[in-house]
Amino acid sequence: MEQKIKQDKICIGRNIRRIRKEKKIGQTELAALLQLEDVTMTREALVKIERGIQHIRVSQLRAIKNVLGTTYEELLEEKKDSRK
């Protein structure tokens, strides 16, 4: 069984959402792009991950990193105050 990453102190979902919005990619579009990476994820699952309700699998995180063209560091960094 594949390992899941808990979103306790790190805000993976919030980081995914921020980067996705910066790149102007919708949730449905990201879910479709993940299919091309051989990762099945529904828009509903993506919503739950972004809200921190659902844990993210390692393969999902890897595919999201590739699709969004970002780094693990950016996806896993803690944001103390995201308001600027």
C-alpha atoms as a PDB file:
ATOM      1  CA  MET A   1       0.000   0.000   0.000  1.00  0.00           C
ATOM      2  CA  GLU A   2       1.292   3.402  -0.961  1.00  0.00           C
ATOM      3  CA  GLN A   3       2.305   5.825   1.748  1.00  0.00           C
ATOM      4  CA  LYS A   4       0.097   8.836   2.414  1.00  0.00           C
ATOM      5  CA  ILE A   5       1.424  12.178   3.606  1.00  0.00           C
ATOM      6  CA  LYS A   6      -0.404  13.760   6.528  1.00  0.00           C
ATOM      7  CA  GLN A   7      -1.090  17.471   6.283  1.00  0.00           C
ATOM      8  CA  ASP A   8      -0.626  18.421   9.918  1.00  0.00           C
ATOM      9  CA  LYS A   9       1.971  21.152  10.160  1.00  0.00           C
ATOM     10  CA  ILE A  10       2.619  21.502   6.459  1.00  0.00           C
ATOM     11  CA  CYS A  11      -0.094  22.935   4.286  1.00  0.00           C
ATOM     12  CA  ILE A  12       0.418  20.872   1.152  1.00  0.00           C
ATOM     13  CA  GLY A  13      -3.142  21.442  -0.024  1.00  0.00           C
ATOM     14  CA  ARG A  14      -2.943  25.190   0.456  1.00  0.00           C
ATOM     15  CA  ASN A  15       0.389  25.270  -1.397  1.00  0.00           C
ATOM     16  CA  ILE A  16      -1.055  23.203  -4.277  1.00  0.00           C
ATOM     17  CA  ARG A  17      -4.020  25.563  -4.527  1.00  0.00           C
ATOM     18  CA  ARG A  18      -1.825  28.686  -4.479  1.00  0.00           C
ATOM     19  CA  ILE A  19       0.575  27.385  -7.145  1.00  0.00           C
ATOM     20  CA  ARG A  20      -2.313  26.078  -9.280  1.00  0.00           C
ATOM     21  CA  LYS A  21      -4.032  29.480  -9.165  1.00  0.00           C
ATOM     22  CA  GLU A  22      -0.762  31.310  -9.923  1.00  0.00           C
ATOM     23  CA  LYS A  23      -0.461  29.184 -13.065  1.00  0.00           C
ATOM     24  CA  LYS A  24      -4.148  29.794 -13.875  1.00  0.00           C
ATOM     25  CA  ILE A  25      -4.995  26.078 -13.925  1.00  0.00           C
ATOM     26  CA  GLY A  26      -8.493  25.050 -12.841  1.00  0.00           C
ATOM     27  CA  GLN A  27      -9.174  22.058 -10.609  1.00  0.00           C
ATOM     28  CA  THR A  28     -10.827  20.096 -13.423  1.00  0.00           C
ATOM     29  CA  GLU A  29      -7.903  20.862 -15.727  1.00  0.00           C
ATOM     30  CA  LEU A  30      -5.354  19.769 -13.114  1.00  0.00           C
ATOM     31  CA  ALA A  31      -7.256  16.513 -12.545  1.00  0.00           C
ATOM     32  CA  ALA A  32      -7.197  15.891 -16.320  1.00  0.00           C
ATOM     33  CA  LEU A  33      -3.463  16.673 -16.533  1.00  0.00           C
ATOM     34  CA  LEU A  34      -2.813  14.212 -13.705  1.00  0.00           C
ATOM     35  CA  GLN A  35      -4.522  11.504 -15.781  1.00  0.00           C
ATOM     36  CA  LEU A  36      -1.772  12.059 -18.395  1.00  0.00           C
ATOM     37  CA  GLU A  37       0.758  11.323 -15.625  1.00  0.00           C
ATOM     38  CA  ASP A  38      -1.078   8.008 -14.966  1.00  0.00           C
ATOM     39  CA  VAL A  39      -2.465   9.300 -11.677  1.00  0.00           C
ATOM     40  CA  THR A  40      -6.191   8.949 -11.239  1.00  0.00           C
ATOM     41  CA  MET A  41      -7.625  11.821  -9.238  1.00  0.00           C
ATOM     42  CA  THR A  42     -11.103  13.262  -9.378  1.00  0.00           C
ATOM     43  CA  ARG A  43     -11.793  16.960  -9.028  1.00  0.00           C
ATOM     44  CA  GLU A  44     -13.594  16.119  -5.772  1.00  0.00           C
ATOM     45  CA  ALA A  45     -10.483  14.402  -4.380  1.00  0.00           C
ATOM     46  CA  LEU A  46      -8.373  17.401  -5.399  1.00  0.00           C
ATOM     47  CA  VAL A  47     -10.788  19.735  -3.568  1.00  0.00           C
ATOM     48  CA  LYS A  48     -10.422  17.607  -0.400  1.00  0.00           C
ATOM     49  CA  ILE A  49      -6.624  17.585  -0.682  1.00  0.00           C
ATOM     50  CA  GLU A  50      -6.528  21.363  -1.180  1.00  0.00           C
ATOM     51  CA  ARG A  51      -8.719  21.834   1.894  1.00  0.00           C
ATOM     52  CA  GLY A  52      -6.506  19.510   3.936  1.00  0.00           C
ATOM     53  CA  ILE A  53      -9.366  17.046   4.513  1.00  0.00           C
ATOM     54  CA  GLN A  54      -7.812  14.171   2.569  1.00  0.00           C
ATOM     55  CA  HIS A  55      -4.246  12.888   2.780  1.00  0.00           C
ATOM     56  CA  ILE A  56      -2.215  12.970  -0.412  1.00  0.00           C
ATOM     57  CA  ARG A  57      -0.408   9.930  -1.785  1.00  0.00           C
ATOM     58  CA  VAL A  58       3.266  10.131  -2.707  1.00  0.00           C
ATOM     59  CA  SER A  59       2.491   9.360  -6.376  1.00  0.00           C
ATOM     60  CA  GLN A  60      -0.135  12.124  -6.424  1.00  0.00           C
ATOM     61  CA  LEU A  61       2.309  14.648  -4.951  1.00  0.00           C
ATOM     62  CA  ARG A  62       4.972  13.655  -7.504  1.00  0.00           C
ATOM     63  CA  ALA A  63       2.515  14.040 -10.404  1.00  0.00           C
ATOM     64  CA  ILE A  64       1.223  17.394  -9.114  1.00  0.00           C
ATOM     65  CA  LYS A  65       4.833  18.609  -8.795  1.00  0.00           C
ATOM     66  CA  ASN A  66       5.499  17.604 -12.411  1.00  0.00           C
ATOM     67  CA  VAL A  67       2.267  19.045 -13.823  1.00  0.00           C
ATOM     68  CA  LEU A  68       2.614  22.356 -11.968  1.00  0.00           C
ATOM     69  CA  GLY A  69       6.321  22.572 -12.800  1.00  0.00           C
ATOM     70  CA  THR A  70       7.260  23.258  -9.197  1.00  0.00           C
ATOM     71  CA  THR A  71       9.515  21.748  -6.518  1.00  0.00           C
ATOM     72  CA  TYR A  72       8.876  19.544  -3.500  1.00  0.00           C
ATOM     73  CA  GLU A  73      10.258  22.369  -1.364  1.00  0.00           C
ATOM     74  CA  GLU A  74       7.585  24.768  -2.595  1.00  0.00           C
ATOM     75  CA  LEU A  75       4.814  22.185  -2.136  1.00  0.00           C
ATOM     76  CA  LEU A  76       5.930  21.176   1.364  1.00  0.00           C
ATOM     77  CA  GLU A  77       6.952  24.528   2.815  1.00  0.00           C
ATOM     78  CA  GLU A  78       5.159  25.841   5.855  1.00  0.00           C
ATOM     79  CA  LYS A  79       3.409  29.142   5.357  1.00  0.00           C
ATOM     80  CA  LYS A  80       3.109  31.066   8.586  1.00  0.00           C
ATOM     81  CA  ASP A  81       1.334  34.032   7.019  1.00  0.00           C
ATOM     82  CA  SER A  82       0.467  33.831   3.343  1.00  0.00           C
ATOM     83  CA  ARG A  83      -0.986  37.362   3.293  1.00  0.00           C
ATOM     84  CA  LYS A  84       1.308  40.004   1.810  1.00  0.00           C
END
